[in-house]
Amino acid sequence: MNKTALVIALMVPSSLLGQETRELGAHEHGHSALNIAIEGTQVAMELEAPGVDIVGFEYEAETAEDLAKLDAAIAKLSKPLALFVLPDAAGCTVVSSNAGLIDEHHDDAEKHAEHEHEAEGEDHAHDDHAEKEGAGHTEFHAEYLLDCADPSALDGIDFVFFDVFPNAQEVEVQMVSGKGSQGFEVKRAAPVLDLSGLI
């Protein structure tokens, strides 16, 4: 399955969940969402997290200090295996990584996200995008594609995410694999997702 098809496979089962999450308060501070799709050796991941959880604020960054926080956060979010640690035995490497800001009050936020996705690795594009977004409940969005030599060894994920972002409290996980779709809640107090027998 190519990357586009994998991302579509990731999004379709979770679209209703994502819509429901937004309607019920996507902006509940401390709560992020992570979608995972596993097909063959490829693992696609999509993360959405409230700005407050990642940088401590949700307003449009204007000061040098706030802009520096955004840059630092995007740099951290661009390293998925430092946030979501997979078993060494799985032999996973990052194929692509894209992180940036979205503003859920903008109708064209998805268009911006897709445009940024095409410009992978260009931090300046993300910075410019962040500066253009207006006030409101800003969220961070990241997409990752991994390749794992031995997907059968993916028996768990260690959420170092909570250590990197102290304001984050819980991650709602929706996973799609050859064995179907499963949902999980991973909390700061128990930051390991057990996937034994689910891949």
N, C-alpha and C. Protein backbone atom coordinates (compact mmCIF):
# COMPACT_ATOMS: atom_id res chain seq x y z
N MET A 1 0.85 -1.19 0.00
CA MET A 1 0.00 0.00 0.00
C MET A 1 0.89 1.24 0.00
N ASN A 2 0.60 2.19 -0.91
CA ASN A 2 1.43 3.39 -0.94
C ASN A 2 1.04 4.34 0.19
N LYS A 3 1.84 5.38 0.34
CA LYS A 3 1.66 6.28 1.48
C LYS A 3 0.27 6.94 1.47
N THR A 4 -0.18 7.40 0.28
CA THR A 4 -1.48 8.06 0.20
C THR A 4 -2.59 7.12 0.61
N ALA A 5 -2.55 5.89 0.09
CA ALA A 5 -3.58 4.91 0.44
C ALA A 5 -3.55 4.61 1.93
N LEU A 6 -2.35 4.56 2.49
CA LEU A 6 -2.22 4.26 3.92
C LEU A 6 -2.82 5.38 4.76
N VAL A 7 -2.58 6.62 4.35
CA VAL A 7 -3.13 7.75 5.08
C VAL A 7 -4.66 7.75 4.98
N ILE A 8 -5.18 7.42 3.78
CA ILE A 8 -6.63 7.33 3.62
C ILE A 8 -7.19 6.24 4.52
N ALA A 9 -6.51 5.10 4.54
CA ALA A 9 -6.96 4.00 5.41
C ALA A 9 -6.94 4.44 6.87
N LEU A 10 -6.00 5.28 7.20
CA LEU A 10 -5.91 5.80 8.57
C LEU A 10 -7.07 6.72 8.88
N MET A 11 -7.41 7.58 7.92
CA MET A 11 -8.38 8.62 8.19
C MET A 11 -9.83 8.13 8.16
N VAL A 12 -10.15 7.23 7.25
CA VAL A 12 -11.55 6.83 7.09
C VAL A 12 -12.16 6.28 8.37
N PRO A 13 -11.51 5.29 9.04
CA PRO A 13 -12.14 4.75 10.25
C PRO A 13 -12.19 5.75 11.40
N SER A 14 -11.31 6.73 11.37
CA SER A 14 -11.24 7.65 12.51
C SER A 14 -11.95 8.97 12.25
N SER A 15 -12.49 9.15 11.04
CA SER A 15 -13.07 10.44 10.72
C SER A 15 -14.24 10.78 11.64
N LEU A 16 -15.11 9.81 11.90
CA LEU A 16 -16.23 10.06 12.80
C LEU A 16 -15.75 10.33 14.21
N LEU A 17 -14.75 9.55 14.64
CA LEU A 17 -14.19 9.76 15.97
C LEU A 17 -13.63 11.17 16.09
N GLY A 18 -12.88 11.60 15.05
CA GLY A 18 -12.28 12.92 15.07
C GLY A 18 -13.34 14.01 15.10
N GLN A 19 -14.39 13.82 14.30
CA GLN A 19 -15.47 14.80 14.25
C GLN A 19 -16.15 14.88 15.61
N GLU A 20 -16.42 13.73 16.20
CA GLU A 20 -17.07 13.68 17.51
C GLU A 20 -16.18 14.35 18.55
N THR A 21 -14.88 14.10 18.47
CA THR A 21 -13.95 14.69 19.43
C THR A 21 -14.00 16.20 19.34
N ARG A 22 -13.98 16.73 18.10
CA ARG A 22 -14.02 18.19 17.94
C ARG A 22 -15.32 18.75 18.50
N GLU A 23 -16.44 18.09 18.19
CA GLU A 23 -17.73 18.61 18.63
C GLU A 23 -17.87 18.54 20.15
N LEU A 24 -17.27 17.54 20.75
CA LEU A 24 -17.43 17.38 22.20
C LEU A 24 -16.34 18.09 22.98
N GLY A 25 -15.50 18.84 22.28
CA GLY A 25 -14.48 19.59 23.00
C GLY A 25 -13.10 19.07 22.69
N ALA A 26 -12.71 19.20 21.42
CA ALA A 26 -11.39 18.78 21.00
C ALA A 26 -10.38 19.56 21.81
N HIS A 27 -10.88 20.65 22.36
CA HIS A 27 -9.96 21.50 23.07
C HIS A 27 -9.95 21.29 24.56
N GLU A 28 -10.34 20.17 24.99
CA GLU A 28 -10.22 19.89 26.42
C GLU A 28 -8.73 19.78 26.71
N HIS A 29 -8.26 20.70 27.51
CA HIS A 29 -6.82 20.75 27.76
C HIS A 29 -6.34 19.45 28.39
N GLY A 30 -5.16 19.02 27.96
CA GLY A 30 -4.59 17.80 28.50
C GLY A 30 -4.90 16.59 27.65
N HIS A 31 -5.79 16.73 26.64
CA HIS A 31 -6.22 15.60 25.85
C HIS A 31 -5.80 15.73 24.39
N SER A 32 -5.03 14.77 23.92
CA SER A 32 -4.59 14.74 22.53
C SER A 32 -5.18 13.51 21.87
N ALA A 33 -5.06 13.44 20.54
CA ALA A 33 -5.57 12.30 19.79
C ALA A 33 -4.47 11.76 18.87
N LEU A 34 -4.32 10.45 18.85
CA LEU A 34 -3.32 9.80 18.00
C LEU A 34 -4.00 8.69 17.21
N ASN A 35 -3.94 8.80 15.88
CA ASN A 35 -4.44 7.75 15.00
C ASN A 35 -3.26 6.96 14.46
N ILE A 36 -3.40 5.65 14.44
CA ILE A 36 -2.32 4.77 13.96
C ILE A 36 -2.91 3.79 12.95
N ALA A 37 -2.26 3.64 11.79
CA ALA A 37 -2.67 2.64 10.81
C ALA A 37 -1.44 1.79 10.47
N ILE A 38 -1.62 0.48 10.53
CA ILE A 38 -0.51 -0.43 10.26
C ILE A 38 -0.88 -1.31 9.06
N GLU A 39 -0.04 -1.26 8.03
CA GLU A 39 -0.26 -2.05 6.82
C GLU A 39 1.09 -2.59 6.36
N GLY A 40 1.25 -3.89 6.39
CA GLY A 40 2.54 -4.47 6.01
C GLY A 40 3.62 -3.98 6.96
N THR A 41 4.68 -3.43 6.38
CA THR A 41 5.77 -2.92 7.23
C THR A 41 5.60 -1.42 7.53
N GLN A 42 4.54 -0.81 7.01
CA GLN A 42 4.38 0.62 7.19
C GLN A 42 3.43 0.95 8.34
N VAL A 43 3.82 1.98 9.08
CA VAL A 43 3.00 2.47 10.19
C VAL A 43 2.79 3.97 9.96
N ALA A 44 1.54 4.36 9.77
CA ALA A 44 1.20 5.78 9.62
C ALA A 44 0.61 6.26 10.94
N MET A 45 1.03 7.45 11.35
CA MET A 45 0.53 8.02 12.61
C MET A 45 0.12 9.46 12.36
N GLU A 46 -0.96 9.86 13.02
CA GLU A 46 -1.41 11.25 12.95
C GLU A 46 -1.74 11.71 14.36
N LEU A 47 -1.15 12.83 14.75
CA LEU A 47 -1.31 13.37 16.10
C LEU A 47 -1.95 14.74 16.04
N GLU A 48 -2.94 14.97 16.91
CA GLU A 48 -3.48 16.32 17.12
C GLU A 48 -3.44 16.61 18.61
N ALA A 49 -2.95 17.79 18.96
CA ALA A 49 -2.82 18.15 20.37
C ALA A 49 -3.11 19.63 20.55
N PRO A 50 -3.86 20.01 21.60
CA PRO A 50 -4.14 21.42 21.87
C PRO A 50 -2.86 22.20 22.12
N GLY A 51 -2.85 23.45 21.66
CA GLY A 51 -1.68 24.29 21.84
C GLY A 51 -1.25 24.42 23.29
N VAL A 52 -2.23 24.52 24.19
CA VAL A 52 -1.91 24.66 25.61
C VAL A 52 -1.08 23.48 26.11
N ASP A 53 -1.38 22.29 25.63
CA ASP A 53 -0.66 21.09 26.07
C ASP A 53 0.78 21.07 25.58
N ILE A 54 1.00 21.68 24.42
CA ILE A 54 2.32 21.60 23.80
C ILE A 54 3.21 22.78 24.17
N VAL A 55 2.66 23.99 24.12
CA VAL A 55 3.49 25.18 24.40
C VAL A 55 2.97 26.03 25.55
N GLY A 56 1.81 25.68 26.09
CA GLY A 56 1.30 26.43 27.23
C GLY A 56 0.37 27.58 26.89
N PHE A 57 0.07 27.78 25.58
CA PHE A 57 -0.85 28.83 25.18
C PHE A 57 -1.51 28.44 23.86
N GLU A 58 -2.62 29.15 23.53
CA GLU A 58 -3.34 28.87 22.29
C GLU A 58 -3.55 30.12 21.44
N TYR A 59 -3.12 31.27 21.93
CA TYR A 59 -3.26 32.50 21.16
C TYR A 59 -2.20 32.55 20.07
N GLU A 60 -2.37 33.50 19.15
CA GLU A 60 -1.41 33.64 18.07
C GLU A 60 -0.08 34.16 18.63
N ALA A 61 0.98 33.45 18.34
CA ALA A 61 2.30 33.84 18.86
C ALA A 61 2.79 35.10 18.15
N GLU A 62 3.24 36.07 18.95
CA GLU A 62 3.78 37.30 18.37
C GLU A 62 5.14 37.66 18.95
N THR A 63 5.34 37.37 20.23
CA THR A 63 6.62 37.73 20.84
C THR A 63 7.70 36.74 20.42
N ALA A 64 8.94 37.19 20.53
CA ALA A 64 10.07 36.34 20.18
C ALA A 64 10.08 35.08 21.05
N GLU A 65 9.70 35.27 22.31
CA GLU A 65 9.69 34.14 23.25
C GLU A 65 8.66 33.08 22.82
N ASP A 66 7.45 33.54 22.48
CA ASP A 66 6.41 32.61 22.07
C ASP A 66 6.76 31.93 20.75
N LEU A 67 7.31 32.70 19.81
CA LEU A 67 7.70 32.12 18.52
C LEU A 67 8.79 31.06 18.72
N ALA A 68 9.69 31.33 19.66
CA ALA A 68 10.74 30.36 19.95
C ALA A 68 10.15 29.08 20.53
N LYS A 69 9.09 29.24 21.35
CA LYS A 69 8.43 28.05 21.91
C LYS A 69 7.78 27.22 20.80
N LEU A 70 7.17 27.91 19.83
CA LEU A 70 6.56 27.20 18.71
C LEU A 70 7.61 26.43 17.92
N ASP A 71 8.72 27.10 17.63
CA ASP A 71 9.80 26.45 16.87
C ASP A 71 10.30 25.21 17.60
N ALA A 72 10.51 25.35 18.91
CA ALA A 72 11.02 24.24 19.70
C ALA A 72 10.02 23.08 19.73
N ALA A 73 8.73 23.43 19.86
CA ALA A 73 7.69 22.40 19.90
C ALA A 73 7.61 21.65 18.58
N ILE A 74 7.64 22.38 17.47
CA ILE A 74 7.56 21.74 16.16
C ILE A 74 8.77 20.84 15.93
N ALA A 75 9.93 21.29 16.39
CA ALA A 75 11.13 20.45 16.27
C ALA A 75 10.95 19.15 17.04
N LYS A 76 10.38 19.23 18.24
CA LYS A 76 10.15 18.03 19.04
C LYS A 76 9.10 17.13 18.41
N LEU A 77 8.03 17.74 17.90
CA LEU A 77 6.96 16.97 17.28
C LEU A 77 7.40 16.32 15.96
N SER A 78 8.49 16.80 15.41
CA SER A 78 8.99 16.25 14.14
C SER A 78 9.81 14.98 14.34
N LYS A 79 9.97 14.56 15.59
CA LYS A 79 10.77 13.36 15.89
C LYS A 79 9.87 12.32 16.57
N PRO A 80 9.06 11.59 15.77
CA PRO A 80 8.07 10.68 16.36
C PRO A 80 8.64 9.60 17.25
N LEU A 81 9.80 9.06 16.90
CA LEU A 81 10.35 7.95 17.68
C LEU A 81 10.95 8.42 19.01
N ALA A 82 11.03 9.75 19.20
CA ALA A 82 11.46 10.29 20.49
C ALA A 82 10.24 10.58 21.37
N LEU A 83 9.04 10.54 20.76
CA LEU A 83 7.80 10.78 21.50
C LEU A 83 7.05 9.49 21.78
N PHE A 84 7.05 8.61 20.77
CA PHE A 84 6.35 7.33 20.84
C PHE A 84 7.37 6.24 20.57
N VAL A 85 7.92 5.69 21.65
CA VAL A 85 9.05 4.76 21.53
C VAL A 85 8.53 3.35 21.25
N LEU A 86 8.98 2.80 20.13
CA LEU A 86 8.58 1.46 19.70
C LEU A 86 9.67 0.46 20.07
N PRO A 87 9.32 -0.81 20.20
CA PRO A 87 10.32 -1.82 20.56
C PRO A 87 11.48 -1.87 19.56
N ASP A 88 12.70 -1.96 20.07
CA ASP A 88 13.87 -2.04 19.19
C ASP A 88 13.76 -3.20 18.22
N ALA A 89 13.16 -4.29 18.68
CA ALA A 89 13.06 -5.50 17.86
C ALA A 89 12.25 -5.27 16.59
N ALA A 90 11.37 -4.25 16.60
CA ALA A 90 10.55 -3.97 15.42
C ALA A 90 11.36 -3.32 14.31
N GLY A 91 12.49 -2.73 14.66
CA GLY A 91 13.37 -2.12 13.66
C GLY A 91 12.70 -0.99 12.87
N CYS A 92 12.06 -0.08 13.55
CA CYS A 92 11.31 1.00 12.88
C CYS A 92 12.19 2.22 12.59
N THR A 93 12.00 2.78 11.41
CA THR A 93 12.70 4.00 11.02
C THR A 93 11.66 4.98 10.47
N VAL A 94 11.99 6.27 10.52
CA VAL A 94 11.09 7.31 10.05
C VAL A 94 11.28 7.51 8.55
N VAL A 95 10.18 7.32 7.80
CA VAL A 95 10.20 7.57 6.35
C VAL A 95 9.92 9.04 6.09
N SER A 96 8.91 9.58 6.76
CA SER A 96 8.60 11.00 6.63
C SER A 96 7.96 11.50 7.92
N SER A 97 8.12 12.80 8.15
CA SER A 97 7.58 13.42 9.36
C SER A 97 7.20 14.85 9.02
N ASN A 98 6.02 15.27 9.47
CA ASN A 98 5.55 16.61 9.21
C ASN A 98 4.81 17.12 10.44
N ALA A 99 5.19 18.28 10.94
CA ALA A 99 4.52 18.84 12.11
C ALA A 99 4.30 20.33 11.91
N GLY A 100 3.18 20.82 12.42
CA GLY A 100 2.89 22.24 12.29
C GLY A 100 1.66 22.60 13.09
N LEU A 101 1.15 23.81 12.84
CA LEU A 101 -0.03 24.32 13.55
C LEU A 101 -1.24 24.30 12.63
N ILE A 102 -2.39 24.03 13.22
CA ILE A 102 -3.65 24.23 12.52
C ILE A 102 -4.52 25.07 13.45
N ASP A 103 -5.48 25.75 12.87
CA ASP A 103 -6.45 26.51 13.66
C ASP A 103 -7.81 25.99 13.28
N GLU A 104 -8.50 25.37 14.20
CA GLU A 104 -9.77 24.71 13.87
C GLU A 104 -10.87 25.68 13.50
N HIS A 105 -10.65 26.99 13.68
CA HIS A 105 -11.66 27.96 13.29
C HIS A 105 -11.50 28.39 11.84
N HIS A 106 -10.44 27.91 11.18
CA HIS A 106 -10.22 28.27 9.79
C HIS A 106 -10.74 27.16 8.90
N ASP A 107 -11.61 27.50 7.95
CA ASP A 107 -12.17 26.50 7.05
C ASP A 107 -11.11 25.85 6.18
N ASP A 108 -10.04 26.59 5.89
CA ASP A 108 -9.03 26.05 4.99
C ASP A 108 -7.85 25.45 5.76
N ALA A 109 -8.04 25.12 7.02
CA ALA A 109 -6.95 24.54 7.80
C ALA A 109 -6.47 23.24 7.20
N GLU A 110 -7.42 22.41 6.70
CA GLU A 110 -7.03 21.13 6.11
C GLU A 110 -6.19 21.36 4.86
N LYS A 111 -6.55 22.39 4.08
CA LYS A 111 -5.80 22.68 2.87
C LYS A 111 -4.37 23.06 3.22
N HIS A 112 -4.23 23.89 4.26
CA HIS A 112 -2.89 24.27 4.72
C HIS A 112 -2.12 23.04 5.18
N ALA A 113 -2.80 22.17 5.92
CA ALA A 113 -2.12 20.98 6.44
C ALA A 113 -1.63 20.11 5.30
N GLU A 114 -2.47 19.96 4.24
CA GLU A 114 -2.06 19.15 3.10
C GLU A 114 -0.89 19.80 2.38
N HIS A 115 -0.94 21.12 2.27
CA HIS A 115 0.15 21.82 1.61
C HIS A 115 1.45 21.64 2.39
N GLU A 116 1.37 21.74 3.69
CA GLU A 116 2.56 21.56 4.52
C GLU A 116 3.07 20.14 4.41
N HIS A 117 2.15 19.20 4.27
CA HIS A 117 2.55 17.79 4.17
C HIS A 117 3.43 17.58 2.96
N GLU A 118 3.15 18.32 1.87
CA GLU A 118 3.94 18.18 0.66
C GLU A 118 5.32 18.78 0.84
N ALA A 119 5.45 19.72 1.74
CA ALA A 119 6.73 20.38 1.96
C ALA A 119 7.38 19.81 3.22
N GLU A 120 7.60 18.51 3.21
CA GLU A 120 8.11 17.83 4.40
C GLU A 120 9.48 18.36 4.80
N GLY A 121 9.66 18.52 6.08
CA GLY A 121 10.96 18.88 6.61
C GLY A 121 11.30 20.36 6.50
N GLU A 122 10.40 21.18 5.97
CA GLU A 122 10.70 22.60 5.82
C GLU A 122 10.11 23.36 6.99
N ASP A 123 10.92 23.54 8.03
CA ASP A 123 10.44 24.19 9.24
C ASP A 123 9.97 25.61 8.99
N HIS A 124 10.63 26.29 8.01
CA HIS A 124 10.26 27.68 7.77
C HIS A 124 8.82 27.79 7.29
N ALA A 125 8.38 26.81 6.49
CA ALA A 125 6.99 26.82 6.00
C ALA A 125 6.03 26.73 7.18
N HIS A 126 6.40 25.92 8.16
CA HIS A 126 5.54 25.76 9.33
C HIS A 126 5.51 27.05 10.14
N ASP A 127 6.67 27.72 10.26
CA ASP A 127 6.73 28.95 11.03
C ASP A 127 5.84 30.01 10.38
N ASP A 128 5.95 30.14 9.04
CA ASP A 128 5.15 31.13 8.33
C ASP A 128 3.67 30.83 8.51
N HIS A 129 3.32 29.58 8.40
CA HIS A 129 1.92 29.16 8.56
C HIS A 129 1.42 29.51 9.96
N ALA A 130 2.23 29.27 10.95
CA ALA A 130 1.84 29.54 12.33
C ALA A 130 1.59 31.03 12.53
N GLU A 131 2.44 31.86 11.91
CA GLU A 131 2.29 33.29 12.09
C GLU A 131 1.04 33.82 11.39
N LYS A 132 0.63 33.17 10.30
CA LYS A 132 -0.53 33.64 9.55
C LYS A 132 -1.84 33.26 10.22
N GLU A 133 -1.83 32.21 11.01
CA GLU A 133 -3.07 31.78 11.63
C GLU A 133 -3.53 32.79 12.67
N GLY A 134 -4.83 32.99 12.76
CA GLY A 134 -5.37 33.98 13.67
C GLY A 134 -5.56 33.43 15.06
N ALA A 135 -6.20 34.25 15.89
CA ALA A 135 -6.46 33.83 17.25
C ALA A 135 -7.50 32.72 17.26
N GLY A 136 -7.60 32.03 18.37
CA GLY A 136 -8.55 30.93 18.47
C GLY A 136 -7.89 29.75 19.14
N HIS A 137 -8.57 28.64 19.09
CA HIS A 137 -8.03 27.44 19.72
C HIS A 137 -7.10 26.72 18.77
N THR A 138 -5.86 27.12 18.79
CA THR A 138 -4.88 26.54 17.89
C THR A 138 -4.45 25.17 18.36
N GLU A 139 -4.27 24.27 17.40
CA GLU A 139 -3.82 22.92 17.70
C GLU A 139 -2.56 22.61 16.91
N PHE A 140 -1.78 21.72 17.46
CA PHE A 140 -0.64 21.18 16.72
C PHE A 140 -1.10 19.92 16.01
N HIS A 141 -0.57 19.72 14.82
CA HIS A 141 -0.91 18.55 14.01
C HIS A 141 0.39 17.97 13.47
N ALA A 142 0.51 16.66 13.53
CA ALA A 142 1.71 16.01 13.00
C ALA A 142 1.31 14.72 12.30
N GLU A 143 2.01 14.41 11.22
CA GLU A 143 1.81 13.16 10.49
C GLU A 143 3.15 12.48 10.32
N TYR A 144 3.15 11.18 10.55
CA TYR A 144 4.39 10.42 10.45
C TYR A 144 4.16 9.17 9.61
N LEU A 145 5.19 8.77 8.89
CA LEU A 145 5.17 7.47 8.23
C LEU A 145 6.44 6.74 8.63
N LEU A 146 6.27 5.55 9.19
CA LEU A 146 7.40 4.74 9.63
C LEU A 146 7.45 3.46 8.81
N ASP A 147 8.63 2.90 8.73
CA ASP A 147 8.79 1.57 8.14
C ASP A 147 9.44 0.69 9.19
N CYS A 148 8.82 -0.46 9.45
CA CYS A 148 9.30 -1.36 10.50
C CYS A 148 9.71 -2.70 9.88
N ALA A 149 10.95 -3.10 10.13
CA ALA A 149 11.46 -4.35 9.57
C ALA A 149 10.66 -5.55 10.05
N ASP A 150 10.22 -5.53 11.30
CA ASP A 150 9.46 -6.65 11.87
C ASP A 150 8.23 -6.12 12.62
N PRO A 151 7.14 -5.84 11.89
CA PRO A 151 5.94 -5.28 12.53
C PRO A 151 5.36 -6.19 13.61
N SER A 152 5.61 -7.50 13.52
CA SER A 152 5.07 -8.42 14.52
C SER A 152 5.66 -8.16 15.90
N ALA A 153 6.79 -7.44 15.94
CA ALA A 153 7.42 -7.12 17.22
C ALA A 153 6.84 -5.85 17.85
N LEU A 154 5.86 -5.23 17.20
CA LEU A 154 5.23 -4.03 17.75
C LEU A 154 4.22 -4.42 18.83
N ASP A 155 4.75 -4.75 19.98
CA ASP A 155 3.87 -5.21 21.06
C ASP A 155 3.58 -4.12 22.10
N GLY A 156 4.06 -2.90 21.84
CA GLY A 156 3.79 -1.82 22.78
C GLY A 156 4.39 -0.51 22.32
N ILE A 157 3.87 0.58 22.88
CA ILE A 157 4.40 1.92 22.60
C ILE A 157 4.58 2.63 23.93
N ASP A 158 5.78 3.15 24.15
CA ASP A 158 6.08 3.92 25.35
C ASP A 158 5.86 5.40 25.04
N PHE A 159 4.90 6.02 25.70
CA PHE A 159 4.54 7.41 25.42
C PHE A 159 5.45 8.37 26.19
N VAL A 160 6.65 8.58 25.66
CA VAL A 160 7.58 9.58 26.21
C VAL A 160 7.00 10.97 25.97
N PHE A 161 6.02 11.04 25.09
CA PHE A 161 5.26 12.26 24.81
C PHE A 161 4.91 13.02 26.09
N PHE A 162 4.51 12.28 27.13
CA PHE A 162 4.11 12.92 28.38
C PHE A 162 5.30 13.58 29.10
N ASP A 163 6.48 13.00 28.94
CA ASP A 163 7.67 13.60 29.55
C ASP A 163 8.10 14.85 28.78
N VAL A 164 7.96 14.78 27.45
CA VAL A 164 8.37 15.91 26.61
C VAL A 164 7.42 17.10 26.76
N PHE A 165 6.12 16.80 26.92
CA PHE A 165 5.11 17.85 27.04
C PHE A 165 4.37 17.70 28.38
N PRO A 166 4.85 18.35 29.43
CA PRO A 166 4.32 18.18 30.79
C PRO A 166 2.84 18.53 30.96
N ASN A 167 2.27 19.35 30.09
CA ASN A 167 0.85 19.71 30.23
C ASN A 167 -0.08 18.64 29.68
N ALA A 168 0.43 17.73 28.87
CA ALA A 168 -0.40 16.67 28.30
C ALA A 168 -0.76 15.65 29.37
N GLN A 169 -2.01 15.24 29.41
CA GLN A 169 -2.48 14.31 30.44
C GLN A 169 -2.99 12.99 29.88
N GLU A 170 -3.54 13.02 28.67
CA GLU A 170 -4.15 11.81 28.11
C GLU A 170 -4.11 11.86 26.59
N VAL A 171 -3.92 10.69 25.98
CA VAL A 171 -3.95 10.58 24.52
C VAL A 171 -4.99 9.52 24.14
N GLU A 172 -5.96 9.94 23.34
CA GLU A 172 -6.95 9.01 22.81
C GLU A 172 -6.34 8.38 21.56
N VAL A 173 -6.22 7.07 21.55
CA VAL A 173 -5.58 6.37 20.43
C VAL A 173 -6.61 5.55 19.67
N GLN A 174 -6.61 5.70 18.35
CA GLN A 174 -7.43 4.87 17.47
C GLN A 174 -6.46 4.15 16.55
N MET A 175 -6.46 2.82 16.58
CA MET A 175 -5.52 2.05 15.78
C MET A 175 -6.25 1.14 14.80
N VAL A 176 -5.77 1.12 13.57
CA VAL A 176 -6.32 0.24 12.53
C VAL A 176 -5.19 -0.66 12.05
N SER A 177 -5.42 -1.97 12.09
CA SER A 177 -4.42 -2.93 11.61
C SER A 177 -5.16 -4.06 10.91
N GLY A 178 -4.41 -5.08 10.51
CA GLY A 178 -5.02 -6.23 9.85
C GLY A 178 -6.01 -6.95 10.74
N LYS A 179 -5.96 -6.69 12.03
CA LYS A 179 -6.87 -7.34 12.98
C LYS A 179 -8.06 -6.45 13.35
N GLY A 180 -8.24 -5.38 12.58
CA GLY A 180 -9.39 -4.51 12.82
C GLY A 180 -9.01 -3.19 13.47
N SER A 181 -10.02 -2.55 14.06
CA SER A 181 -9.84 -1.24 14.67
C SER A 181 -10.01 -1.33 16.18
N GLN A 182 -9.12 -0.70 16.89
CA GLN A 182 -9.21 -0.67 18.35
C GLN A 182 -9.01 0.75 18.86
N GLY A 183 -9.65 1.06 19.97
CA GLY A 183 -9.48 2.35 20.60
C GLY A 183 -8.88 2.20 21.99
N PHE A 184 -8.05 3.15 22.38
CA PHE A 184 -7.38 3.09 23.68
C PHE A 184 -7.33 4.49 24.29
N GLU A 185 -7.14 4.54 25.59
CA GLU A 185 -6.82 5.78 26.29
C GLU A 185 -5.49 5.56 26.99
N VAL A 186 -4.52 6.39 26.67
CA VAL A 186 -3.22 6.29 27.33
C VAL A 186 -3.06 7.52 28.21
N LYS A 187 -2.84 7.30 29.49
CA LYS A 187 -2.78 8.41 30.44
C LYS A 187 -1.36 8.59 30.98
N ARG A 188 -1.11 9.81 31.44
CA ARG A 188 0.21 10.14 32.00
C ARG A 188 0.61 9.16 33.10
N ALA A 189 -0.35 8.74 33.92
CA ALA A 189 -0.04 7.84 35.04
C ALA A 189 0.35 6.44 34.58
N ALA A 190 -0.05 6.07 33.36
CA ALA A 190 0.29 4.75 32.80
C ALA A 190 0.63 4.94 31.33
N PRO A 191 1.86 5.44 31.06
CA PRO A 191 2.20 5.90 29.72
C PRO A 191 2.66 4.83 28.72
N VAL A 192 2.22 3.59 28.92
CA VAL A 192 2.61 2.53 27.98
C VAL A 192 1.36 1.90 27.39
N LEU A 193 1.31 1.81 26.06
CA LEU A 193 0.20 1.17 25.37
C LEU A 193 0.60 -0.25 25.03
N ASP A 194 -0.13 -1.22 25.57
CA ASP A 194 0.15 -2.64 25.33
C ASP A 194 -0.57 -3.09 24.07
N LEU A 195 0.20 -3.51 23.08
CA LEU A 195 -0.38 -3.96 21.81
C LEU A 195 -0.17 -5.46 21.60
N SER A 196 0.13 -6.16 22.65
CA SER A 196 0.39 -7.60 22.54
C SER A 196 -0.80 -8.31 21.88
N GLY A 197 -0.49 -9.03 20.79
CA GLY A 197 -1.51 -9.81 20.10
C GLY A 197 -2.46 -9.00 19.24
N LEU A 198 -2.22 -7.69 19.08
CA LEU A 198 -3.13 -6.84 18.33
C LEU A 198 -2.64 -6.47 16.93
N ILE A 199 -1.40 -6.83 16.63
CA ILE A 199 -0.83 -6.45 15.32
C ILE A 199 -0.88 -7.66 14.38
